[in-house]
Amino acid sequence: MSNGMTNAELNAFLETLARLVESKAETVKDASEIIREAKTE
């Protein structure tokens, strides 16, 4: 049994992240900060 994400879950996460970046990021720096904030610890 795997504790990772399924391909469908990963695709959904990436799509959500892409939409967030498109709607909020005004610069490349903004985009990178949004993505880094989405990382798990």
N, C-alpha and C. Protein backbone atom coordinates (compact mmCIF):
# COMPACT_ATOMS: atom_id res chain seq x y z
N MET A 1 0.85 -1.18 0.00
CA MET A 1 0.00 0.00 0.00
C MET A 1 0.89 1.25 0.00
N SER A 2 0.59 2.16 -0.85
CA SER A 2 1.38 3.38 -0.98
C SER A 2 0.75 4.52 -0.19
N ASN A 3 1.59 5.34 0.40
CA ASN A 3 1.10 6.52 1.13
C ASN A 3 1.18 7.78 0.28
N GLY A 4 1.61 7.64 -0.98
CA GLY A 4 1.75 8.78 -1.88
C GLY A 4 0.44 9.16 -2.54
N MET A 5 0.51 10.14 -3.41
CA MET A 5 -0.65 10.61 -4.15
C MET A 5 -0.85 9.75 -5.39
N THR A 6 -2.09 9.61 -5.79
CA THR A 6 -2.38 8.96 -7.07
C THR A 6 -2.09 9.97 -8.17
N ASN A 7 -2.03 9.49 -9.40
CA ASN A 7 -1.83 10.40 -10.53
C ASN A 7 -2.97 11.41 -10.61
N ALA A 8 -4.19 10.97 -10.36
CA ALA A 8 -5.35 11.87 -10.41
C ALA A 8 -5.25 12.95 -9.33
N GLU A 9 -4.82 12.57 -8.13
CA GLU A 9 -4.67 13.54 -7.04
C GLU A 9 -3.56 14.54 -7.37
N LEU A 10 -2.45 14.05 -7.90
CA LEU A 10 -1.35 14.93 -8.27
C LEU A 10 -1.79 15.90 -9.37
N ASN A 11 -2.47 15.39 -10.37
CA ASN A 11 -2.95 16.25 -11.46
C ASN A 11 -3.90 17.32 -10.94
N ALA A 12 -4.80 16.95 -10.02
CA ALA A 12 -5.73 17.91 -9.44
C ALA A 12 -4.98 18.98 -8.64
N PHE A 13 -3.97 18.57 -7.87
CA PHE A 13 -3.17 19.52 -7.11
C PHE A 13 -2.44 20.48 -8.03
N LEU A 14 -1.80 19.94 -9.06
CA LEU A 14 -1.05 20.79 -9.98
C LEU A 14 -1.96 21.77 -10.72
N GLU A 15 -3.15 21.35 -11.09
CA GLU A 15 -4.10 22.24 -11.76
C GLU A 15 -4.53 23.35 -10.83
N THR A 16 -4.81 23.01 -9.58
CA THR A 16 -5.19 24.01 -8.58
C THR A 16 -4.06 25.01 -8.37
N LEU A 17 -2.84 24.51 -8.28
CA LEU A 17 -1.68 25.38 -8.11
C LEU A 17 -1.49 26.29 -9.31
N ALA A 18 -1.65 25.76 -10.51
CA ALA A 18 -1.52 26.56 -11.73
C ALA A 18 -2.57 27.68 -11.76
N ARG A 19 -3.80 27.36 -11.38
CA ARG A 19 -4.86 28.38 -11.36
C ARG A 19 -4.56 29.46 -10.33
N LEU A 20 -4.04 29.07 -9.18
CA LEU A 20 -3.67 30.04 -8.15
C LEU A 20 -2.58 30.97 -8.65
N VAL A 21 -1.56 30.41 -9.28
CA VAL A 21 -0.46 31.22 -9.82
C VAL A 21 -0.99 32.17 -10.89
N GLU A 22 -1.83 31.67 -11.80
CA GLU A 22 -2.38 32.52 -12.85
C GLU A 22 -3.19 33.68 -12.28
N SER A 23 -3.93 33.43 -11.21
CA SER A 23 -4.82 34.46 -10.68
C SER A 23 -4.12 35.46 -9.77
N LYS A 24 -3.00 35.06 -9.15
CA LYS A 24 -2.39 35.93 -8.14
C LYS A 24 -1.00 36.46 -8.48
N ALA A 25 -0.22 35.70 -9.22
CA ALA A 25 1.17 36.10 -9.46
C ALA A 25 1.26 37.20 -10.51
N GLU A 26 1.99 38.23 -10.16
CA GLU A 26 2.23 39.32 -11.12
C GLU A 26 3.65 39.27 -11.66
N THR A 27 4.52 38.58 -10.95
CA THR A 27 5.91 38.44 -11.38
C THR A 27 6.34 36.99 -11.21
N VAL A 28 7.49 36.66 -11.76
CA VAL A 28 8.04 35.32 -11.59
C VAL A 28 8.32 35.07 -10.11
N LYS A 29 8.79 36.09 -9.41
CA LYS A 29 9.06 35.96 -7.97
C LYS A 29 7.78 35.63 -7.22
N ASP A 30 6.68 36.29 -7.54
CA ASP A 30 5.38 35.98 -6.92
C ASP A 30 5.02 34.53 -7.17
N ALA A 31 5.19 34.08 -8.39
CA ALA A 31 4.84 32.70 -8.74
C ALA A 31 5.68 31.71 -7.94
N SER A 32 6.96 31.95 -7.84
CA SER A 32 7.82 31.02 -7.10
C SER A 32 7.46 31.00 -5.62
N GLU A 33 7.10 32.14 -5.06
CA GLU A 33 6.70 32.18 -3.65
C GLU A 33 5.40 31.40 -3.42
N ILE A 34 4.44 31.53 -4.32
CA ILE A 34 3.18 30.79 -4.21
C ILE A 34 3.46 29.28 -4.23
N ILE A 35 4.32 28.87 -5.14
CA ILE A 35 4.64 27.44 -5.26
C ILE A 35 5.38 26.95 -4.02
N ARG A 36 6.33 27.73 -3.54
CA ARG A 36 7.06 27.31 -2.33
C ARG A 36 6.14 27.23 -1.12
N GLU A 37 5.16 28.10 -1.02
CA GLU A 37 4.22 28.06 0.10
C GLU A 37 3.33 26.82 0.04
N ALA A 38 3.17 26.23 -1.14
CA ALA A 38 2.34 25.05 -1.30
C ALA A 38 3.07 23.76 -0.91
N LYS A 39 4.39 23.85 -0.74
CA LYS A 39 5.16 22.66 -0.37
C LYS A 39 4.81 22.21 1.05
N THR A 40 4.90 20.90 1.27
CA THR A 40 4.70 20.37 2.61
C THR A 40 5.99 20.47 3.39
N GLU A 41 5.88 20.39 4.67
CA GLU A 41 7.07 20.50 5.51
C GLU A 41 7.49 19.17 6.06
